[in-house]
Amino acid sequence: MFIHDGVFLRYRVDFLKKELLIDFKTVEDDLVTVSFKGYFAHSFDHVMAGSVLYDIEKVDWSEFLKTNKSEFEEHKNYSWPIIYDDLDEFEHHMQENNYQCYIITSAIGLSGYVFAKGIE
């Protein structure tokens, strides 16, 4: 999903509906909401007003976990986002349950990832 130069306004998580919503304003001044359906977990860094979003991209689990290996080795100690013994078990669980990994990149500010079953 290409959201180049969209200005981040807010995000919210509804755990009952299993949904994460991100609102941003386009360069044309339109208000757009991106909805992550079947939401499971997320991690955002550099959350701030005025973040300029660049892109939301679905990435392969193997590549994502390879790139973020040390982070998820640490998360394992806190049972986040699930209890798992190793990265293979975590990856298997996510794929078996049809979760996708979405990377959010920005020119300024907010960055991170969302685990969900789909995006609208």
PDB file of N, CA and C in Angstrom:
ATOM      1  N   MET A   1       0.861  -1.174   0.000  1.00  0.00           N
ATOM      2  CA  MET A   1       0.000   0.000   0.000  1.00  0.00           C
ATOM      3  C   MET A   1       0.902   1.230   0.000  1.00  0.00           C
ATOM      4  N   PHE A   2       0.729   2.052  -0.964  1.00  0.00           N
ATOM      5  CA  PHE A   2       1.573   3.229  -1.114  1.00  0.00           C
ATOM      6  C   PHE A   2       0.870   4.444  -0.514  1.00  0.00           C
ATOM      7  N   ILE A   3       1.467   5.034   0.494  1.00  0.00           N
ATOM      8  CA  ILE A   3       0.869   6.188   1.191  1.00  0.00           C
ATOM      9  C   ILE A   3       1.856   7.339   1.239  1.00  0.00           C
ATOM     10  N   HIS A   4       2.648   7.460   0.221  1.00  0.00           N
ATOM     11  CA  HIS A   4       3.745   8.414   0.173  1.00  0.00           C
ATOM     12  C   HIS A   4       3.318   9.815   0.603  1.00  0.00           C
ATOM     13  N   ASP A   5       4.036  10.368   1.571  1.00  0.00           N
ATOM     14  CA  ASP A   5       3.856  11.727   2.086  1.00  0.00           C
ATOM     15  C   ASP A   5       2.560  11.948   2.856  1.00  0.00           C
ATOM     16  N   GLY A   6       1.909  10.863   3.286  1.00  0.00           N
ATOM     17  CA  GLY A   6       0.736  11.008   4.138  1.00  0.00           C
ATOM     18  C   GLY A   6       1.167  11.431   5.538  1.00  0.00           C
ATOM     19  N   VAL A   7       0.475  12.393   6.133  1.00  0.00           N
ATOM     20  CA  VAL A   7       0.809  12.870   7.479  1.00  0.00           C
ATOM     21  C   VAL A   7       0.020  12.060   8.498  1.00  0.00           C
ATOM     22  N   PHE A   8       0.731  11.404   9.389  1.00  0.00           N
ATOM     23  CA  PHE A   8       0.160  10.568  10.431  1.00  0.00           C
ATOM     24  C   PHE A   8      -0.652  11.423  11.404  1.00  0.00           C
ATOM     25  N   LEU A   9      -1.877  11.001  11.664  1.00  0.00           N
ATOM     26  CA  LEU A   9      -2.738  11.717  12.602  1.00  0.00           C
ATOM     27  C   LEU A   9      -2.922  10.964  13.913  1.00  0.00           C
ATOM     28  N   ARG A  10      -3.211   9.668  13.822  1.00  0.00           N
ATOM     29  CA  ARG A  10      -3.444   8.874  15.035  1.00  0.00           C
ATOM     30  C   ARG A  10      -3.529   7.394  14.669  1.00  0.00           C
ATOM     31  N   TYR A  11      -3.401   6.570  15.712  1.00  0.00           N
ATOM     32  CA  TYR A  11      -3.706   5.159  15.544  1.00  0.00           C
ATOM     33  C   TYR A  11      -4.441   4.686  16.779  1.00  0.00           C
ATOM     34  N   ARG A  12      -5.206   3.627  16.599  1.00  0.00           N
ATOM     35  CA  ARG A  12      -5.945   3.053  17.709  1.00  0.00           C
ATOM     36  C   ARG A  12      -6.107   1.553  17.482  1.00  0.00           C
ATOM     37  N   VAL A  13      -6.178   0.839  18.592  1.00  0.00           N
ATOM     38  CA  VAL A  13      -6.330  -0.613  18.547  1.00  0.00           C
ATOM     39  C   VAL A  13      -7.636  -0.974  19.241  1.00  0.00           C
ATOM     40  N   ASP A  14      -8.425  -1.803  18.575  1.00  0.00           N
ATOM     41  CA  ASP A  14      -9.635  -2.357  19.175  1.00  0.00           C
ATOM     42  C   ASP A  14      -9.382  -3.851  19.346  1.00  0.00           C
ATOM     43  N   PHE A  15      -9.081  -4.258  20.580  1.00  0.00           N
ATOM     44  CA  PHE A  15      -8.756  -5.656  20.828  1.00  0.00           C
ATOM     45  C   PHE A  15      -9.978  -6.551  20.686  1.00  0.00           C
ATOM     46  N   LEU A  16     -11.163  -6.022  20.939  1.00  0.00           N
ATOM     47  CA  LEU A  16     -12.376  -6.826  20.795  1.00  0.00           C
ATOM     48  C   LEU A  16     -12.665  -7.135  19.325  1.00  0.00           C
ATOM     49  N   LYS A  17     -12.463  -6.156  18.454  1.00  0.00           N
ATOM     50  CA  LYS A  17     -12.691  -6.352  17.016  1.00  0.00           C
ATOM     51  C   LYS A  17     -11.457  -6.893  16.300  1.00  0.00           C
ATOM     52  N   LYS A  18     -10.340  -6.982  17.017  1.00  0.00           N
ATOM     53  CA  LYS A  18      -9.061  -7.418  16.438  1.00  0.00           C
ATOM     54  C   LYS A  18      -8.717  -6.558  15.224  1.00  0.00           C
ATOM     55  N   GLU A  19      -8.578  -5.257  15.499  1.00  0.00           N
ATOM     56  CA  GLU A  19      -8.351  -4.297  14.423  1.00  0.00           C
ATOM     57  C   GLU A  19      -7.448  -3.169  14.907  1.00  0.00           C
ATOM     58  N   LEU A  20      -6.484  -2.789  14.075  1.00  0.00           N
ATOM     59  CA  LEU A  20      -5.659  -1.611  14.309  1.00  0.00           C
ATOM     60  C   LEU A  20      -5.940  -0.647  13.173  1.00  0.00           C
ATOM     61  N   LEU A  21      -6.230   0.604  13.516  1.00  0.00           N
ATOM     62  CA  LEU A  21      -6.549   1.629  12.525  1.00  0.00           C
ATOM     63  C   LEU A  21      -5.509   2.735  12.569  1.00  0.00           C
ATOM     64  N   ILE A  22      -5.072   3.169  11.406  1.00  0.00           N
ATOM     65  CA  ILE A  22      -4.155   4.305  11.287  1.00  0.00           C
ATOM     66  C   ILE A  22      -4.833   5.355  10.418  1.00  0.00           C
ATOM     67  N   ASP A  23      -4.941   6.556  10.946  1.00  0.00           N
ATOM     68  CA  ASP A  23      -5.494   7.676  10.185  1.00  0.00           C
ATOM     69  C   ASP A  23      -4.356   8.575   9.730  1.00  0.00           C
ATOM     70  N   PHE A  24      -4.428   9.005   8.464  1.00  0.00           N
ATOM     71  CA  PHE A  24      -3.452   9.955   7.957  1.00  0.00           C
ATOM     72  C   PHE A  24      -4.113  10.866   6.937  1.00  0.00           C
ATOM     73  N   LYS A  25      -3.476  11.990   6.693  1.00  0.00           N
ATOM     74  CA  LYS A  25      -3.960  12.964   5.717  1.00  0.00           C
ATOM     75  C   LYS A  25      -3.047  12.904   4.504  1.00  0.00           C
ATOM     76  N   THR A  26      -3.656  12.787   3.324  1.00  0.00           N
ATOM     77  CA  THR A  26      -2.885  12.707   2.083  1.00  0.00           C
ATOM     78  C   THR A  26      -2.415  14.096   1.666  1.00  0.00           C
ATOM     79  N   VAL A  27      -1.543  14.132   0.670  1.00  0.00           N
ATOM     80  CA  VAL A  27      -1.078  15.414   0.140  1.00  0.00           C
ATOM     81  C   VAL A  27      -2.226  16.186  -0.503  1.00  0.00           C
ATOM     82  N   GLU A  28      -3.292  15.471  -0.900  1.00  0.00           N
ATOM     83  CA  GLU A  28      -4.486  16.122  -1.462  1.00  0.00           C
ATOM     84  C   GLU A  28      -5.439  16.590  -0.363  1.00  0.00           C
ATOM     85  N   ASP A  29      -5.035  16.411   0.904  1.00  0.00           N
ATOM     86  CA  ASP A  29      -5.816  16.832   2.071  1.00  0.00           C
ATOM     87  C   ASP A  29      -7.006  15.918   2.370  1.00  0.00           C
ATOM     88  N   ASP A  30      -6.987  14.681   1.870  1.00  0.00           N
ATOM     89  CA  ASP A  30      -8.033  13.709   2.169  1.00  0.00           C
ATOM     90  C   ASP A  30      -7.668  12.957   3.439  1.00  0.00           C
ATOM     91  N   LEU A  31      -8.669  12.639   4.251  1.00  0.00           N
ATOM     92  CA  LEU A  31      -8.470  11.819   5.444  1.00  0.00           C
ATOM     93  C   LEU A  31      -8.646  10.359   5.051  1.00  0.00           C
ATOM     94  N   VAL A  32      -7.623   9.546   5.300  1.00  0.00           N
ATOM     95  CA  VAL A  32      -7.647   8.134   4.929  1.00  0.00           C
ATOM     96  C   VAL A  32      -7.397   7.299   6.182  1.00  0.00           C
ATOM     97  N   THR A  33      -8.144   6.199   6.302  1.00  0.00           N
ATOM     98  CA  THR A  33      -7.936   5.258   7.395  1.00  0.00           C
ATOM     99  C   THR A  33      -7.490   3.926   6.817  1.00  0.00           C
ATOM    100  N   VAL A  34      -6.366   3.438   7.303  1.00  0.00           N
ATOM    101  CA  VAL A  34      -5.888   2.108   6.948  1.00  0.00           C
ATOM    102  C   VAL A  34      -6.286   1.190   8.089  1.00  0.00           C
ATOM    103  N   SER A  35      -6.919   0.073   7.738  1.00  0.00           N
ATOM    104  CA  SER A  35      -7.422  -0.864   8.739  1.00  0.00           C
ATOM    105  C   SER A  35      -6.685  -2.194   8.621  1.00  0.00           C
ATOM    106  N   PHE A  36      -6.049  -2.609   9.709  1.00  0.00           N
ATOM    107  CA  PHE A  36      -5.414  -3.922   9.774  1.00  0.00           C
ATOM    108  C   PHE A  36      -6.424  -4.863  10.423  1.00  0.00           C
ATOM    109  N   LYS A  37      -6.993  -5.765   9.624  1.00  0.00           N
ATOM    110  CA  LYS A  37      -8.016  -6.706  10.084  1.00  0.00           C
ATOM    111  C   LYS A  37      -7.352  -7.967  10.625  1.00  0.00           C
ATOM    112  N   GLY A  38      -7.991  -8.580  11.608  1.00  0.00           N
ATOM    113  CA  GLY A  38      -7.404  -9.764  12.219  1.00  0.00           C
ATOM    114  C   GLY A  38      -6.123  -9.419  12.943  1.00  0.00           C
ATOM    115  N   TYR A  39      -6.112  -8.233  13.551  1.00  0.00           N
ATOM    116  CA  TYR A  39      -4.930  -7.707  14.249  1.00  0.00           C
ATOM    117  C   TYR A  39      -4.452  -8.682  15.322  1.00  0.00           C
ATOM    118  N   PHE A  40      -3.127  -8.824  15.409  1.00  0.00           N
ATOM    119  CA  PHE A  40      -2.516  -9.690  16.421  1.00  0.00           C
ATOM    120  C   PHE A  40      -1.578  -8.911  17.344  1.00  0.00           C
ATOM    121  N   ALA A  41      -0.680  -8.122  16.783  1.00  0.00           N
ATOM    122  CA  ALA A  41       0.285  -7.364  17.587  1.00  0.00           C
ATOM    123  C   ALA A  41       0.945  -6.304  16.711  1.00  0.00           C
ATOM    124  N   HIS A  42       1.594  -5.338  17.360  1.00  0.00           N
ATOM    125  CA  HIS A  42       2.350  -4.335  16.614  1.00  0.00           C
ATOM    126  C   HIS A  42       3.488  -3.806  17.479  1.00  0.00           C
ATOM    127  N   SER A  43       4.418  -3.161  16.825  1.00  0.00           N
ATOM    128  CA  SER A  43       5.495  -2.458  17.508  1.00  0.00           C
ATOM    129  C   SER A  43       5.814  -1.219  16.685  1.00  0.00           C
ATOM    130  N   PHE A  44       5.660  -0.051  17.310  1.00  0.00           N
ATOM    131  CA  PHE A  44       5.948   1.209  16.644  1.00  0.00           C
ATOM    132  C   PHE A  44       7.066   1.928  17.393  1.00  0.00           C
ATOM    133  N   ASP A  45       7.932   2.586  16.642  1.00  0.00           N
ATOM    134  CA  ASP A  45       8.982   3.441  17.191  1.00  0.00           C
ATOM    135  C   ASP A  45       8.758   4.855  16.667  1.00  0.00           C
ATOM    136  N   HIS A  46       9.304   5.815  17.368  1.00  0.00           N
ATOM    137  CA  HIS A  46       9.324   7.213  16.925  1.00  0.00           C
ATOM    138  C   HIS A  46       7.922   7.765  16.641  1.00  0.00           C
ATOM    139  N   VAL A  47       6.959   7.369  17.489  1.00  0.00           N
ATOM    140  CA  VAL A  47       5.583   7.850  17.331  1.00  0.00           C
ATOM    141  C   VAL A  47       5.549   9.325  17.717  1.00  0.00           C
ATOM    142  N   MET A  48       5.136  10.167  16.771  1.00  0.00           N
ATOM    143  CA  MET A  48       5.081  11.606  17.033  1.00  0.00           C
ATOM    144  C   MET A  48       4.116  12.284  16.069  1.00  0.00           C
ATOM    145  N   ALA A  49       3.588  13.402  16.522  1.00  0.00           N
ATOM    146  CA  ALA A  49       2.741  14.215  15.648  1.00  0.00           C
ATOM    147  C   ALA A  49       3.578  14.693  14.472  1.00  0.00           C
ATOM    148  N   GLY A  50       2.964  14.736  13.317  1.00  0.00           N
ATOM    149  CA  GLY A  50       3.663  15.236  12.136  1.00  0.00           C
ATOM    150  C   GLY A  50       4.516  14.206  11.415  1.00  0.00           C
ATOM    151  N   SER A  51       4.453  12.939  11.843  1.00  0.00           N
ATOM    152  CA  SER A  51       5.177  11.905  11.107  1.00  0.00           C
ATOM    153  C   SER A  51       4.708  11.889   9.664  1.00  0.00           C
ATOM    154  N   VAL A  52       5.635  11.734   8.751  1.00  0.00           N
ATOM    155  CA  VAL A  52       5.313  11.677   7.329  1.00  0.00           C
ATOM    156  C   VAL A  52       5.503  10.232   6.870  1.00  0.00           C
ATOM    157  N   LEU A  53       4.391   9.567   6.610  1.00  0.00           N
ATOM    158  CA  LEU A  53       4.421   8.161   6.229  1.00  0.00           C
ATOM    159  C   LEU A  53       4.889   7.995   4.796  1.00  0.00           C
ATOM    160  N   TYR A  54       5.551   6.890   4.557  1.00  0.00           N
ATOM    161  CA  TYR A  54       6.044   6.613   3.214  1.00  0.00           C
ATOM    162  C   TYR A  54       5.324   5.418   2.587  1.00  0.00           C
ATOM    163  N   ASP A  55       5.299   4.288   3.319  1.00  0.00           N
ATOM    164  CA  ASP A  55       4.763   3.076   2.715  1.00  0.00           C
ATOM    165  C   ASP A  55       4.364   2.072   3.785  1.00  0.00           C
ATOM    166  N   ILE A  56       3.444   1.186   3.428  1.00  0.00           N
ATOM    167  CA  ILE A  56       3.119  -0.004   4.210  1.00  0.00           C
ATOM    168  C   ILE A  56       3.307  -1.175   3.265  1.00  0.00           C
ATOM    169  N   GLU A  57       4.199  -2.075   3.646  1.00  0.00           N
ATOM    170  CA  GLU A  57       4.571  -3.169   2.753  1.00  0.00           C
ATOM    171  C   GLU A  57       4.439  -4.505   3.461  1.00  0.00           C
ATOM    172  N   LYS A  58       3.795  -5.462   2.808  1.00  0.00           N
ATOM    173  CA  LYS A  58       3.741  -6.826   3.336  1.00  0.00           C
ATOM    174  C   LYS A  58       5.074  -7.496   3.035  1.00  0.00           C
ATOM    175  N   VAL A  59       5.677  -8.124   4.062  1.00  0.00           N
ATOM    176  CA  VAL A  59       6.978  -8.764   3.881  1.00  0.00           C
ATOM    177  C   VAL A  59       6.911 -10.234   4.272  1.00  0.00           C
ATOM    178  N   ASP A  60       7.851 -10.985   3.760  1.00  0.00           N
ATOM    179  CA  ASP A  60       7.974 -12.411   4.018  1.00  0.00           C
ATOM    180  C   ASP A  60       8.420 -12.653   5.471  1.00  0.00           C
ATOM    181  N   TRP A  61       7.783 -13.597   6.138  1.00  0.00           N
ATOM    182  CA  TRP A  61       8.119 -13.893   7.538  1.00  0.00           C
ATOM    183  C   TRP A  61       9.582 -14.271   7.725  1.00  0.00           C
ATOM    184  N   SER A  62      10.093 -15.120   6.869  1.00  0.00           N
ATOM    185  CA  SER A  62      11.488 -15.571   7.018  1.00  0.00           C
ATOM    186  C   SER A  62      12.456 -14.402   6.972  1.00  0.00           C
ATOM    187  N   GLU A  63      12.263 -13.521   5.992  1.00  0.00           N
ATOM    188  CA  GLU A  63      13.140 -12.356   5.876  1.00  0.00           C
ATOM    189  C   GLU A  63      12.982 -11.411   7.060  1.00  0.00           C
ATOM    190  N   PHE A  64      11.740 -11.191   7.482  1.00  0.00           N
ATOM    191  CA  PHE A  64      11.486 -10.307   8.613  1.00  0.00           C
ATOM    192  C   PHE A  64      12.174 -10.833   9.870  1.00  0.00           C
ATOM    193  N   LEU A  65      12.020 -12.119  10.150  1.00  0.00           N
ATOM    194  CA  LEU A  65      12.615 -12.684  11.364  1.00  0.00           C
ATOM    195  C   LEU A  65      14.134 -12.766  11.267  1.00  0.00           C
ATOM    196  N   LYS A  66      14.648 -12.964  10.082  1.00  0.00           N
ATOM    197  CA  LYS A  66      16.104 -12.967   9.887  1.00  0.00           C
ATOM    198  C   LYS A  66      16.665 -11.576  10.204  1.00  0.00           C
ATOM    199  N   THR A  67      16.002 -10.538   9.703  1.00  0.00           N
ATOM    200  CA  THR A  67      16.434  -9.158   9.925  1.00  0.00           C
ATOM    201  C   THR A  67      16.278  -8.740  11.382  1.00  0.00           C
ATOM    202  N   ASN A  68      15.261  -9.272  12.058  1.00  0.00           N
ATOM    203  CA  ASN A  68      14.936  -8.858  13.435  1.00  0.00           C
ATOM    204  C   ASN A  68      15.199  -9.956  14.452  1.00  0.00           C
ATOM    205  N   LYS A  69      16.131 -10.833  14.145  1.00  0.00           N
ATOM    206  CA  LYS A  69      16.398 -12.008  14.978  1.00  0.00           C
ATOM    207  C   LYS A  69      16.688 -11.646  16.429  1.00  0.00           C
ATOM    208  N   SER A  70      17.605 -10.725  16.663  1.00  0.00           N
ATOM    209  CA  SER A  70      17.982 -10.406  18.046  1.00  0.00           C
ATOM    210  C   SER A  70      16.802  -9.805  18.818  1.00  0.00           C
ATOM    211  N   GLU A  71      15.999  -8.988  18.141  1.00  0.00           N
ATOM    212  CA  GLU A  71      14.824  -8.395  18.788  1.00  0.00           C
ATOM    213  C   GLU A  71      13.850  -9.486  19.243  1.00  0.00           C
ATOM    214  N   PHE A  72      13.602 -10.479  18.384  1.00  0.00           N
ATOM    215  CA  PHE A  72      12.647 -11.520  18.742  1.00  0.00           C
ATOM    216  C   PHE A  72      13.223 -12.562  19.684  1.00  0.00           C
ATOM    217  N   GLU A  73      14.533 -12.715  19.686  1.00  0.00           N
ATOM    218  CA  GLU A  73      15.157 -13.554  20.719  1.00  0.00           C
ATOM    219  C   GLU A  73      14.920 -12.924  22.093  1.00  0.00           C
ATOM    220  N   GLU A  74      14.985 -11.597  22.162  1.00  0.00           N
ATOM    221  CA  GLU A  74      14.719 -10.873  23.413  1.00  0.00           C
ATOM    222  C   GLU A  74      13.234 -10.934  23.774  1.00  0.00           C
ATOM    223  N   HIS A  75      12.356 -10.725  22.787  1.00  0.00           N
ATOM    224  CA  HIS A  75      10.906 -10.760  23.041  1.00  0.00           C
ATOM    225  C   HIS A  75      10.473 -12.106  23.599  1.00  0.00           C
ATOM    226  N   LYS A  76      11.147 -13.149  23.186  1.00  0.00           N
ATOM    227  CA  LYS A  76      10.825 -14.502  23.629  1.00  0.00           C
ATOM    228  C   LYS A  76      10.834 -14.585  25.155  1.00  0.00           C
ATOM    229  N   ASN A  77      11.741 -13.861  25.792  1.00  0.00           N
ATOM    230  CA  ASN A  77      11.852 -13.879  27.251  1.00  0.00           C
ATOM    231  C   ASN A  77      10.641 -13.267  27.948  1.00  0.00           C
ATOM    232  N   TYR A  78       9.852 -12.506  27.203  1.00  0.00           N
ATOM    233  CA  TYR A  78       8.668 -11.842  27.768  1.00  0.00           C
ATOM    234  C   TYR A  78       7.371 -12.400  27.182  1.00  0.00           C
ATOM    235  N   SER A  79       7.486 -13.527  26.467  1.00  0.00           N
ATOM    236  CA  SER A  79       6.327 -14.178  25.849  1.00  0.00           C
ATOM    237  C   SER A  79       5.566 -13.234  24.930  1.00  0.00           C
ATOM    238  N   TRP A  80       6.309 -12.382  24.198  1.00  0.00           N
ATOM    239  CA  TRP A  80       5.662 -11.447  23.286  1.00  0.00           C
ATOM    240  C   TRP A  80       6.008 -11.783  21.851  1.00  0.00           C
ATOM    241  N   PRO A  81       5.079 -11.818  20.964  1.00  0.00           N
ATOM    242  CA  PRO A  81       3.648 -11.648  21.196  1.00  0.00           C
ATOM    243  C   PRO A  81       2.932 -12.932  21.578  1.00  0.00           C
ATOM    244  N   ILE A  82       3.663 -14.064  21.556  1.00  0.00           N
ATOM    245  CA  ILE A  82       3.135 -15.347  22.038  1.00  0.00           C
ATOM    246  C   ILE A  82       4.267 -16.045  22.785  1.00  0.00           C
ATOM    247  N   ILE A  83       3.952 -17.140  23.418  1.00  0.00           N
ATOM    248  CA  ILE A  83       4.989 -17.976  24.037  1.00  0.00           C
ATOM    249  C   ILE A  83       5.578 -18.863  22.936  1.00  0.00           C
ATOM    250  N   TYR A  84       6.902 -18.815  22.778  1.00  0.00           N
ATOM    251  CA  TYR A  84       7.570 -19.640  21.775  1.00  0.00           C
ATOM    252  C   TYR A  84       8.979 -19.957  22.253  1.00  0.00           C
ATOM    253  N   ASP A  85       9.493 -21.116  21.810  1.00  0.00           N
ATOM    254  CA  ASP A  85      10.833 -21.543  22.200  1.00  0.00           C
ATOM    255  C   ASP A  85      11.911 -21.044  21.247  1.00  0.00           C
ATOM    256  N   ASP A  86      11.565 -20.952  19.972  1.00  0.00           N
ATOM    257  CA  ASP A  86      12.548 -20.486  18.994  1.00  0.00           C
ATOM    258  C   ASP A  86      11.818 -19.802  17.841  1.00  0.00           C
ATOM    259  N   LEU A  87      12.578 -19.160  16.968  1.00  0.00           N
ATOM    260  CA  LEU A  87      11.983 -18.392  15.880  1.00  0.00           C
ATOM    261  C   LEU A  87      11.249 -19.266  14.870  1.00  0.00           C
ATOM    262  N   ASP A  88      11.704 -20.501  14.695  1.00  0.00           N
ATOM    263  CA  ASP A  88      10.999 -21.409  13.784  1.00  0.00           C
ATOM    264  C   ASP A  88       9.590 -21.683  14.296  1.00  0.00           C
ATOM    265  N   GLU A  89       9.458 -21.889  15.602  1.00  0.00           N
ATOM    266  CA  GLU A  89       8.142 -22.128  16.191  1.00  0.00           C
ATOM    267  C   GLU A  89       7.253 -20.890  16.041  1.00  0.00           C
ATOM    268  N   PHE A  90       7.824 -19.709  16.272  1.00  0.00           N
ATOM    269  CA  PHE A  90       7.071 -18.466  16.123  1.00  0.00           C
ATOM    270  C   PHE A  90       6.602 -18.297  14.679  1.00  0.00           C
ATOM    271  N   GLU A  91       7.521 -18.463  13.724  1.00  0.00           N
ATOM    272  CA  GLU A  91       7.173 -18.311  12.313  1.00  0.00           C
ATOM    273  C   GLU A  91       6.094 -19.316  11.906  1.00  0.00           C
ATOM    274  N   HIS A  92       6.224 -20.544  12.351  1.00  0.00           N
ATOM    275  CA  HIS A  92       5.240 -21.576  12.033  1.00  0.00           C
ATOM    276  C   HIS A  92       3.857 -21.182  12.558  1.00  0.00           C
ATOM    277  N   HIS A  93       3.794 -20.708  13.788  1.00  0.00           N
ATOM    278  CA  HIS A  93       2.515 -20.281  14.380  1.00  0.00           C
ATOM    279  C   HIS A  93       1.879 -19.166  13.560  1.00  0.00           C
ATOM    280  N   MET A  94       2.666 -18.178  13.188  1.00  0.00           N
ATOM    281  CA  MET A  94       2.126 -17.030  12.457  1.00  0.00           C
ATOM    282  C   MET A  94       1.631 -17.450  11.071  1.00  0.00           C
ATOM    283  N   GLN A  95       2.379 -18.286  10.391  1.00  0.00           N
ATOM    284  CA  GLN A  95       1.966 -18.736   9.058  1.00  0.00           C
ATOM    285  C   GLN A  95       0.768 -19.677   9.140  1.00  0.00           C
ATOM    286  N   GLU A  96       0.793 -20.583  10.103  1.00  0.00           N
ATOM    287  CA  GLU A  96      -0.305 -21.537  10.268  1.00  0.00           C
ATOM    288  C   GLU A  96      -1.627 -20.827  10.548  1.00  0.00           C
ATOM    289  N   ASN A  97      -1.557 -19.681  11.208  1.00  0.00           N
ATOM    290  CA  ASN A  97      -2.753 -18.917  11.558  1.00  0.00           C
ATOM    291  C   ASN A  97      -3.030 -17.764  10.586  1.00  0.00           C
ATOM    292  N   ASN A  98      -2.348 -17.788   9.449  1.00  0.00           N
ATOM    293  CA  ASN A  98      -2.572 -16.833   8.348  1.00  0.00           C
ATOM    294  C   ASN A  98      -2.294 -15.379   8.709  1.00  0.00           C
ATOM    295  N   TYR A  99      -1.333 -15.145   9.602  1.00  0.00           N
ATOM    296  CA  TYR A  99      -0.947 -13.766   9.911  1.00  0.00           C
ATOM    297  C   TYR A  99       0.097 -13.297   8.906  1.00  0.00           C
ATOM    298  N   GLN A 100       0.011 -12.024   8.566  1.00  0.00           N
ATOM    299  CA  GLN A 100       0.955 -11.369   7.678  1.00  0.00           C
ATOM    300  C   GLN A 100       1.773 -10.364   8.490  1.00  0.00           C
ATOM    301  N   CYS A 101       2.908 -10.006   7.971  1.00  0.00           N
ATOM    302  CA  CYS A 101       3.743  -8.982   8.598  1.00  0.00           C
ATOM    303  C   CYS A 101       3.791  -7.771   7.674  1.00  0.00           C
ATOM    304  N   TYR A 102       3.375  -6.617   8.211  1.00  0.00           N
ATOM    305  CA  TYR A 102       3.360  -5.370   7.461  1.00  0.00           C
ATOM    306  C   TYR A 102       4.368  -4.404   8.067  1.00  0.00           C
ATOM    307  N   ILE A 103       5.269  -3.897   7.251  1.00  0.00           N
ATOM    308  CA  ILE A 103       6.271  -2.936   7.683  1.00  0.00           C
ATOM    309  C   ILE A 103       5.792  -1.537   7.310  1.00  0.00           C
ATOM    310  N   ILE A 104       5.855  -0.622   8.276  1.00  0.00           N
ATOM    311  CA  ILE A 104       5.499   0.776   8.037  1.00  0.00           C
ATOM    312  C   ILE A 104       6.784   1.585   8.032  1.00  0.00           C
ATOM    313  N   THR A 105       6.994   2.320   6.945  1.00  0.00           N
ATOM    314  CA  THR A 105       8.170   3.184   6.847  1.00  0.00           C
ATOM    315  C   THR A 105       7.707   4.631   6.702  1.00  0.00           C
ATOM    316  N   SER A 106       8.563   5.525   7.139  1.00  0.00           N
ATOM    317  CA  SER A 106       8.248   6.950   7.097  1.00  0.00           C
ATOM    318  C   SER A 106       9.468   7.747   6.680  1.00  0.00           C
ATOM    319  N   ALA A 107       9.196   8.915   6.132  1.00  0.00           N
ATOM    320  CA  ALA A 107      10.266   9.865   5.845  1.00  0.00           C
ATOM    321  C   ALA A 107      10.677  10.568   7.131  1.00  0.00           C
ATOM    322  N   ILE A 108       9.691  10.791   8.004  1.00  0.00           N
ATOM    323  CA  ILE A 108       9.917  11.445   9.303  1.00  0.00           C
ATOM    324  C   ILE A 108       9.057  10.739  10.346  1.00  0.00           C
ATOM    325  N   GLY A 109       9.660  10.314  11.440  1.00  0.00           N
ATOM    326  CA  GLY A 109       8.890   9.816  12.574  1.00  0.00           C
ATOM    327  C   GLY A 109       8.538   8.345  12.530  1.00  0.00           C
ATOM    328  N   LEU A 110       7.260   8.055  12.754  1.00  0.00           N
ATOM    329  CA  LEU A 110       6.724   6.722  12.990  1.00  0.00           C
ATOM    330  C   LEU A 110       7.288   5.656  12.058  1.00  0.00           C
ATOM    331  N   SER A 111       7.690   4.544  12.648  1.00  0.00           N
ATOM    332  CA  SER A 111       8.084   3.365  11.885  1.00  0.00           C
ATOM    333  C   SER A 111       7.741   2.151  12.736  1.00  0.00           C
ATOM    334  N   GLY A 112       7.691   0.995  12.103  1.00  0.00           N
ATOM    335  CA  GLY A 112       7.410  -0.212  12.858  1.00  0.00           C
ATOM    336  C   GLY A 112       6.764  -1.278  12.007  1.00  0.00           C
ATOM    337  N   TYR A 113       6.050  -2.176  12.692  1.00  0.00           N
ATOM    338  CA  TYR A 113       5.413  -3.286  11.996  1.00  0.00           C
ATOM    339  C   TYR A 113       4.118  -3.662  12.691  1.00  0.00           C
ATOM    340  N   VAL A 114       3.258  -4.320  11.911  1.00  0.00           N
ATOM    341  CA  VAL A 114       1.967  -4.803  12.394  1.00  0.00           C
ATOM    342  C   VAL A 114       1.818  -6.249  11.941  1.00  0.00           C
ATOM    343  N   PHE A 115       1.339  -7.108  12.856  1.00  0.00           N
ATOM    344  CA  PHE A 115       0.983  -8.480  12.519  1.00  0.00           C
ATOM    345  C   PHE A 115      -0.538  -8.536  12.462  1.00  0.00           C
ATOM    346  N   ALA A 116      -1.066  -8.897  11.312  1.00  0.00           N
ATOM    347  CA  ALA A 116      -2.517  -8.967  11.119  1.00  0.00           C
ATOM    348  C   ALA A 116      -2.803  -9.910   9.955  1.00  0.00           C
ATOM    349  N   LYS A 117      -4.066 -10.249   9.797  1.00  0.00           N
ATOM    350  CA  LYS A 117      -4.452 -11.165   8.724  1.00  0.00           C
ATOM    351  C   LYS A 117      -4.685 -10.460   7.399  1.00  0.00           C
ATOM    352  N   GLY A 118      -4.942  -9.160   7.439  1.00  0.00           N
ATOM    353  CA  GLY A 118      -5.165  -8.427   6.198  1.00  0.00           C
ATOM    354  C   GLY A 118      -5.169  -6.949   6.410  1.00  0.00           C
ATOM    355  N   ILE A 119      -5.251  -6.204   5.324  1.00  0.00           N
ATOM    356  CA  ILE A 119      -5.226  -4.748   5.366  1.00  0.00           C
ATOM    357  C   ILE A 119      -6.238  -4.203   4.369  1.00  0.00           C
ATOM    358  N   GLU A 120      -6.912  -3.150   4.758  1.00  0.00           N
ATOM    359  CA  GLU A 120      -7.859  -2.469   3.859  1.00  0.00           C
ATOM    360  C   GLU A 120      -7.573  -0.987   3.871  1.00  0.00           C
TER     361      GLU A 120
END
